């Protein structure tokens, strides 16, 4: 049985350290890296709120679907 290909930490559209703005809420976030969701192995971003410093995880497909834009914050 071969091991599935895991996400490379900086393979996504957004690289570690990239600052983003959520279009709907206006919140600012910093990308930590790209990881895998354990149960599905789906690639997902780990990112940090620049306001509250909470950490979040969102599937790569959602993160790259236009909900976020590059920020100059």
PDB file of N, CA and C in Angstrom:
ATOM      1  N   UNK A   1       0.850  -1.183   0.000  1.00  0.00           N
ATOM      2  CA  UNK A   1       0.000   0.000   0.000  1.00  0.00           C
ATOM      3  C   UNK A   1       0.893   1.244   0.000  1.00  0.00           C
ATOM      4  N   UNK A   2       0.700   2.102  -0.971  1.00  0.00           N
ATOM      5  CA  UNK A   2       1.533   3.295  -1.052  1.00  0.00           C
ATOM      6  C   UNK A   2       0.935   4.418  -0.212  1.00  0.00           C
ATOM      7  N   UNK A   3       1.813   5.231   0.288  1.00  0.00           N
ATOM      8  CA  UNK A   3       1.412   6.370   1.114  1.00  0.00           C
ATOM      9  C   UNK A   3       0.893   7.487   0.201  1.00  0.00           C
ATOM     10  N   UNK A   4      -0.263   8.099   0.533  1.00  0.00           N
ATOM     11  CA  UNK A   4      -0.772   9.200  -0.295  1.00  0.00           C
ATOM     12  C   UNK A   4       0.160  10.408  -0.236  1.00  0.00           C
ATOM     13  N   UNK A   5       0.174  11.184  -1.309  1.00  0.00           N
ATOM     14  CA  UNK A   5       1.009  12.388  -1.345  1.00  0.00           C
ATOM     15  C   UNK A   5       0.466  13.409  -0.353  1.00  0.00           C
ATOM     16  N   UNK A   6       1.333  13.849   0.524  1.00  0.00           N
ATOM     17  CA  UNK A   6       0.963  14.843   1.523  1.00  0.00           C
ATOM     18  C   UNK A   6       1.259  16.237   0.967  1.00  0.00           C
ATOM     19  N   UNK A   7       0.528  17.215   1.463  1.00  0.00           N
ATOM     20  CA  UNK A   7       0.743  18.598   1.040  1.00  0.00           C
ATOM     21  C   UNK A   7       2.115  19.074   1.501  1.00  0.00           C
ATOM     22  N   UNK A   8       2.827  19.731   0.627  1.00  0.00           N
ATOM     23  CA  UNK A   8       4.068  20.385   0.996  1.00  0.00           C
ATOM     24  C   UNK A   8       3.672  21.660   1.741  1.00  0.00           C
ATOM     25  N   UNK A   9       4.320  21.995   2.851  1.00  0.00           N
ATOM     26  CA  UNK A   9       3.897  23.152   3.651  1.00  0.00           C
ATOM     27  C   UNK A   9       3.762  24.473   2.902  1.00  0.00           C
ATOM     28  N   UNK A  10       4.482  24.633   1.785  1.00  0.00           N
ATOM     29  CA  UNK A  10       4.337  25.902   1.059  1.00  0.00           C
ATOM     30  C   UNK A  10       3.989  25.698  -0.414  1.00  0.00           C
ATOM     31  N   UNK A  11       3.226  24.632  -0.722  1.00  0.00           N
ATOM     32  CA  UNK A  11       2.807  24.364  -2.098  1.00  0.00           C
ATOM     33  C   UNK A  11       1.579  25.158  -2.550  1.00  0.00           C
ATOM     34  N   UNK A  12       0.805  25.695  -1.645  1.00  0.00           N
ATOM     35  CA  UNK A  12      -0.444  26.345  -2.012  1.00  0.00           C
ATOM     36  C   UNK A  12      -0.245  27.675  -2.711  1.00  0.00           C
ATOM     37  N   UNK A  13      -1.348  28.262  -3.114  1.00  0.00           N
ATOM     38  CA  UNK A  13      -1.347  29.584  -3.734  1.00  0.00           C
ATOM     39  C   UNK A  13      -0.737  30.618  -2.789  1.00  0.00           C
ATOM     40  N   UNK A  14      -1.049  30.489  -1.493  1.00  0.00           N
ATOM     41  CA  UNK A  14      -0.538  31.415  -0.482  1.00  0.00           C
ATOM     42  C   UNK A  14       0.610  30.758   0.272  1.00  0.00           C
ATOM     43  N   UNK A  15       1.739  31.407   0.288  1.00  0.00           N
ATOM     44  CA  UNK A  15       2.945  30.888   0.931  1.00  0.00           C
ATOM     45  C   UNK A  15       2.974  31.278   2.412  1.00  0.00           C
ATOM     46  N   UNK A  16       3.742  30.543   3.229  1.00  0.00           N
ATOM     47  CA  UNK A  16       3.867  30.920   4.643  1.00  0.00           C
ATOM     48  C   UNK A  16       4.288  32.382   4.781  1.00  0.00           C
ATOM     49  N   UNK A  17       3.611  33.083   5.688  1.00  0.00           N
ATOM     50  CA  UNK A  17       3.895  34.500   5.924  1.00  0.00           C
ATOM     51  C   UNK A  17       3.046  35.450   5.105  1.00  0.00           C
ATOM     52  N   UNK A  18       2.324  34.943   4.102  1.00  0.00           N
ATOM     53  CA  UNK A  18       1.456  35.790   3.284  1.00  0.00           C
ATOM     54  C   UNK A  18       0.362  36.396   4.160  1.00  0.00           C
ATOM     55  N   UNK A  19       0.115  37.683   3.984  1.00  0.00           N
ATOM     56  CA  UNK A  19      -0.951  38.364   4.731  1.00  0.00           C
ATOM     57  C   UNK A  19      -2.164  38.516   3.828  1.00  0.00           C
ATOM     58  N   UNK A  20      -3.326  38.133   4.371  1.00  0.00           N
ATOM     59  CA  UNK A  20      -4.574  38.131   3.612  1.00  0.00           C
ATOM     60  C   UNK A  20      -5.651  38.933   4.318  1.00  0.00           C
ATOM     61  N   UNK A  21      -6.618  39.389   3.546  1.00  0.00           N
ATOM     62  CA  UNK A  21      -7.807  40.037   4.096  1.00  0.00           C
ATOM     63  C   UNK A  21      -9.008  39.220   3.667  1.00  0.00           C
ATOM     64  N   UNK A  22      -9.874  38.894   4.634  1.00  0.00           N
ATOM     65  CA  UNK A  22     -11.114  38.183   4.327  1.00  0.00           C
ATOM     66  C   UNK A  22     -12.071  39.209   3.737  1.00  0.00           C
ATOM     67  N   UNK A  23     -12.539  38.970   2.524  1.00  0.00           N
ATOM     68  CA  UNK A  23     -13.342  39.962   1.802  1.00  0.00           C
ATOM     69  C   UNK A  23     -14.652  40.280   2.532  1.00  0.00           C
ATOM     70  N   UNK A  24     -15.337  39.268   3.056  1.00  0.00           N
ATOM     71  CA  UNK A  24     -16.645  39.484   3.688  1.00  0.00           C
ATOM     72  C   UNK A  24     -16.528  40.199   5.044  1.00  0.00           C
ATOM     73  N   UNK A  25     -15.584  39.774   5.889  1.00  0.00           N
ATOM     74  CA  UNK A  25     -15.488  40.329   7.247  1.00  0.00           C
ATOM     75  C   UNK A  25     -14.491  41.463   7.373  1.00  0.00           C
ATOM     76  N   UNK A  26     -13.533  41.548   6.435  1.00  0.00           N
ATOM     77  CA  UNK A  26     -12.493  42.575   6.521  1.00  0.00           C
ATOM     78  C   UNK A  26     -11.364  42.217   7.461  1.00  0.00           C
ATOM     79  N   UNK A  27     -11.419  41.026   8.077  1.00  0.00           N
ATOM     80  CA  UNK A  27     -10.364  40.610   9.003  1.00  0.00           C
ATOM     81  C   UNK A  27      -9.060  40.318   8.283  1.00  0.00           C
ATOM     82  N   UNK A  28      -7.949  40.488   9.000  1.00  0.00           N
ATOM     83  CA  UNK A  28      -6.621  40.241   8.449  1.00  0.00           C
ATOM     84  C   UNK A  28      -6.039  38.972   9.054  1.00  0.00           C
ATOM     85  N   UNK A  29      -5.352  38.200   8.211  1.00  0.00           N
ATOM     86  CA  UNK A  29      -4.821  36.900   8.619  1.00  0.00           C
ATOM     87  C   UNK A  29      -3.437  36.701   8.027  1.00  0.00           C
ATOM     88  N   UNK A  30      -2.644  35.856   8.690  1.00  0.00           N
ATOM     89  CA  UNK A  30      -1.305  35.501   8.216  1.00  0.00           C
ATOM     90  C   UNK A  30      -1.257  33.992   8.023  1.00  0.00           C
ATOM     91  N   UNK A  31      -0.853  33.559   6.846  1.00  0.00           N
ATOM     92  CA  UNK A  31      -0.732  32.128   6.546  1.00  0.00           C
ATOM     93  C   UNK A  31       0.466  31.563   7.301  1.00  0.00           C
ATOM     94  N   UNK A  32       0.235  30.440   7.996  1.00  0.00           N
ATOM     95  CA  UNK A  32       1.316  29.750   8.691  1.00  0.00           C
ATOM     96  C   UNK A  32       1.919  28.708   7.751  1.00  0.00           C
ATOM     97  N   UNK A  33       1.116  27.789   7.242  1.00  0.00           N
ATOM     98  CA  UNK A  33       1.559  26.804   6.268  1.00  0.00           C
ATOM     99  C   UNK A  33       0.385  25.997   5.761  1.00  0.00           C
ATOM    100  N   UNK A  34       0.653  25.157   4.781  1.00  0.00           N
ATOM    101  CA  UNK A  34      -0.337  24.232   4.236  1.00  0.00           C
ATOM    102  C   UNK A  34      -0.103  22.880   4.907  1.00  0.00           C
ATOM    103  N   UNK A  35      -1.167  22.257   5.384  1.00  0.00           N
ATOM    104  CA  UNK A  35      -1.090  20.971   6.082  1.00  0.00           C
ATOM    105  C   UNK A  35      -2.115  20.025   5.470  1.00  0.00           C
ATOM    106  N   UNK A  36      -2.374  18.898   6.121  1.00  0.00           N
ATOM    107  CA  UNK A  36      -3.400  17.949   5.678  1.00  0.00           C
ATOM    108  C   UNK A  36      -4.378  17.698   6.805  1.00  0.00           C
ATOM    109  N   UNK A  37      -5.668  17.614   6.471  1.00  0.00           N
ATOM    110  CA  UNK A  37      -6.685  17.222   7.442  1.00  0.00           C
ATOM    111  C   UNK A  37      -6.528  15.719   7.656  1.00  0.00           C
ATOM    112  N   UNK A  38      -6.396  15.302   8.895  1.00  0.00           N
ATOM    113  CA  UNK A  38      -6.063  13.910   9.193  1.00  0.00           C
ATOM    114  C   UNK A  38      -7.053  12.909   8.600  1.00  0.00           C
ATOM    115  N   UNK A  39      -8.336  13.143   8.771  1.00  0.00           N
ATOM    116  CA  UNK A  39      -9.330  12.143   8.374  1.00  0.00           C
ATOM    117  C   UNK A  39      -9.498  12.003   6.863  1.00  0.00           C
ATOM    118  N   UNK A  40      -9.252  13.073   6.121  1.00  0.00           N
ATOM    119  CA  UNK A  40      -9.469  13.045   4.670  1.00  0.00           C
ATOM    120  C   UNK A  40      -8.188  13.219   3.859  1.00  0.00           C
ATOM    121  N   UNK A  41      -7.123  13.678   4.510  1.00  0.00           N
ATOM    122  CA  UNK A  41      -5.852  14.041   3.872  1.00  0.00           C
ATOM    123  C   UNK A  41      -5.997  15.210   2.905  1.00  0.00           C
ATOM    124  N   UNK A  42      -7.135  15.911   2.988  1.00  0.00           N
ATOM    125  CA  UNK A  42      -7.352  17.097   2.166  1.00  0.00           C
ATOM    126  C   UNK A  42      -6.380  18.191   2.603  1.00  0.00           C
ATOM    127  N   UNK A  43      -5.728  18.882   1.643  1.00  0.00           N
ATOM    128  CA  UNK A  43      -4.853  19.994   2.014  1.00  0.00           C
ATOM    129  C   UNK A  43      -5.659  21.112   2.675  1.00  0.00           C
ATOM    130  N   UNK A  44      -5.080  21.716   3.697  1.00  0.00           N
ATOM    131  CA  UNK A  44      -5.745  22.797   4.422  1.00  0.00           C
ATOM    132  C   UNK A  44      -4.703  23.795   4.909  1.00  0.00           C
ATOM    133  N   UNK A  45      -5.094  25.051   4.921  1.00  0.00           N
ATOM    134  CA  UNK A  45      -4.212  26.094   5.441  1.00  0.00           C
ATOM    135  C   UNK A  45      -4.384  26.230   6.947  1.00  0.00           C
ATOM    136  N   UNK A  46      -3.280  26.430   7.623  1.00  0.00           N
ATOM    137  CA  UNK A  46      -3.277  26.850   9.022  1.00  0.00           C
ATOM    138  C   UNK A  46      -2.948  28.335   8.956  1.00  0.00           C
ATOM    139  N   UNK A  47      -3.784  29.160   9.579  1.00  0.00           N
ATOM    140  CA  UNK A  47      -3.560  30.602   9.507  1.00  0.00           C
ATOM    141  C   UNK A  47      -3.937  31.266  10.821  1.00  0.00           C
ATOM    142  N   UNK A  48      -3.414  32.463  11.027  1.00  0.00           N
ATOM    143  CA  UNK A  48      -3.571  33.180  12.297  1.00  0.00           C
ATOM    144  C   UNK A  48      -4.269  34.511  12.085  1.00  0.00           C
ATOM    145  N   UNK A  49      -5.217  34.815  12.962  1.00  0.00           N
ATOM    146  CA  UNK A  49      -5.853  36.126  12.955  1.00  0.00           C
ATOM    147  C   UNK A  49      -4.838  37.153  13.430  1.00  0.00           C
ATOM    148  N   UNK A  50      -4.683  38.223  12.685  1.00  0.00           N
ATOM    149  CA  UNK A  50      -3.747  39.267  13.087  1.00  0.00           C
ATOM    150  C   UNK A  50      -4.354  40.187  14.150  1.00  0.00           C
ATOM    151  N   UNK A  51      -5.661  40.055  14.406  1.00  0.00           N
ATOM    152  CA  UNK A  51      -6.301  40.845  15.452  1.00  0.00           C
ATOM    153  C   UNK A  51      -6.294  40.098  16.791  1.00  0.00           C
ATOM    154  N   UNK A  52      -6.797  38.862  16.791  1.00  0.00           N
ATOM    155  CA  UNK A  52      -6.961  38.112  18.048  1.00  0.00           C
ATOM    156  C   UNK A  52      -5.836  37.121  18.311  1.00  0.00           C
ATOM    157  N   UNK A  53      -5.040  36.845  17.301  1.00  0.00           N
ATOM    158  CA  UNK A  53      -3.955  35.846  17.359  1.00  0.00           C
ATOM    159  C   UNK A  53      -4.476  34.431  17.588  1.00  0.00           C
ATOM    160  N   UNK A  54      -5.751  34.198  17.251  1.00  0.00           N
ATOM    161  CA  UNK A  54      -6.299  32.841  17.239  1.00  0.00           C
ATOM    162  C   UNK A  54      -5.809  32.158  15.971  1.00  0.00           C
ATOM    163  N   UNK A  55      -5.693  30.827  16.038  1.00  0.00           N
ATOM    164  CA  UNK A  55      -5.283  30.051  14.874  1.00  0.00           C
ATOM    165  C   UNK A  55      -6.493  29.326  14.300  1.00  0.00           C
ATOM    166  N   UNK A  56      -6.516  29.211  12.972  1.00  0.00           N
ATOM    167  CA  UNK A  56      -7.630  28.605  12.267  1.00  0.00           C
ATOM    168  C   UNK A  56      -7.102  27.628  11.227  1.00  0.00           C
ATOM    169  N   UNK A  57      -7.979  26.708  10.812  1.00  0.00           N
ATOM    170  CA  UNK A  57      -7.671  25.767   9.739  1.00  0.00           C
ATOM    171  C   UNK A  57      -8.834  25.821   8.754  1.00  0.00           C
ATOM    172  N   UNK A  58      -8.505  25.943   7.464  1.00  0.00           N
ATOM    173  CA  UNK A  58      -9.531  25.998   6.428  1.00  0.00           C
ATOM    174  C   UNK A  58      -9.039  25.186   5.228  1.00  0.00           C
ATOM    175  N   UNK A  59      -9.914  24.374   4.617  1.00  0.00           N
ATOM    176  CA  UNK A  59      -9.495  23.615   3.439  1.00  0.00           C
ATOM    177  C   UNK A  59      -8.905  24.530   2.362  1.00  0.00           C
ATOM    178  N   UNK A  60      -7.898  24.037   1.693  1.00  0.00           N
ATOM    179  CA  UNK A  60      -7.233  24.811   0.642  1.00  0.00           C
ATOM    180  C   UNK A  60      -8.243  25.287  -0.402  1.00  0.00           C
ATOM    181  N   UNK A  61      -9.191  24.429  -0.764  1.00  0.00           N
ATOM    182  CA  UNK A  61     -10.169  24.797  -1.795  1.00  0.00           C
ATOM    183  C   UNK A  61     -10.984  26.023  -1.386  1.00  0.00           C
ATOM    184  N   UNK A  62     -11.351  26.133  -0.115  1.00  0.00           N
ATOM    185  CA  UNK A  62     -12.108  27.306   0.370  1.00  0.00           C
ATOM    186  C   UNK A  62     -11.210  28.532   0.464  1.00  0.00           C
ATOM    187  N   UNK A  63      -9.995  28.331   0.912  1.00  0.00           N
ATOM    188  CA  UNK A  63      -9.081  29.458   1.107  1.00  0.00           C
ATOM    189  C   UNK A  63      -8.738  30.119  -0.223  1.00  0.00           C
ATOM    190  N   UNK A  64      -8.726  29.328  -1.292  1.00  0.00           N
ATOM    191  CA  UNK A  64      -8.307  29.836  -2.596  1.00  0.00           C
ATOM    192  C   UNK A  64      -9.479  30.111  -3.534  1.00  0.00           C
ATOM    193  N   UNK A  65     -10.720  30.146  -3.006  1.00  0.00           N
ATOM    194  CA  UNK A  65     -11.890  30.316  -3.882  1.00  0.00           C
ATOM    195  C   UNK A  65     -12.362  31.765  -4.031  1.00  0.00           C
ATOM    196  N   UNK A  66     -11.579  32.724  -3.560  1.00  0.00           N
ATOM    197  CA  UNK A  66     -11.947  34.126  -3.713  1.00  0.00           C
ATOM    198  C   UNK A  66     -12.445  34.775  -2.436  1.00  0.00           C
ATOM    199  N   UNK A  67     -12.483  34.048  -1.330  1.00  0.00           N
ATOM    200  CA  UNK A  67     -12.920  34.624  -0.052  1.00  0.00           C
ATOM    201  C   UNK A  67     -11.869  35.548   0.544  1.00  0.00           C
ATOM    202  N   UNK A  68     -10.620  35.373   0.123  1.00  0.00           N
ATOM    203  CA  UNK A  68      -9.486  36.137   0.654  1.00  0.00           C
ATOM    204  C   UNK A  68      -8.779  36.856  -0.481  1.00  0.00           C
ATOM    205  N   UNK A  69      -8.148  37.974  -0.129  1.00  0.00           N
ATOM    206  CA  UNK A  69      -7.305  38.698  -1.078  1.00  0.00           C
ATOM    207  C   UNK A  69      -6.007  39.069  -0.378  1.00  0.00           C
ATOM    208  N   UNK A  70      -4.965  39.307  -1.164  1.00  0.00           N
ATOM    209  CA  UNK A  70      -3.691  39.718  -0.587  1.00  0.00           C
ATOM    210  C   UNK A  70      -3.877  41.053   0.129  1.00  0.00           C
ATOM    211  N   UNK A  71      -3.234  41.199   1.266  1.00  0.00           N
ATOM    212  CA  UNK A  71      -3.360  42.421   2.062  1.00  0.00           C
ATOM    213  C   UNK A  71      -2.025  43.131   2.154  1.00  0.00           C
ATOM    214  N   UNK A  72      -2.083  44.426   2.256  1.00  0.00           N
ATOM    215  CA  UNK A  72      -0.874  45.237   2.458  1.00  0.00           C
ATOM    216  C   UNK A  72      -0.834  45.719   3.887  1.00  0.00           C
ATOM    217  N   UNK A  73      -1.275  44.895   4.820  1.00  0.00           N
ATOM    218  CA  UNK A  73      -1.400  45.243   6.244  1.00  0.00           C
ATOM    219  C   UNK A  73      -0.131  44.946   6.979  1.00  0.00           C
TER     220      UNK A  73
END
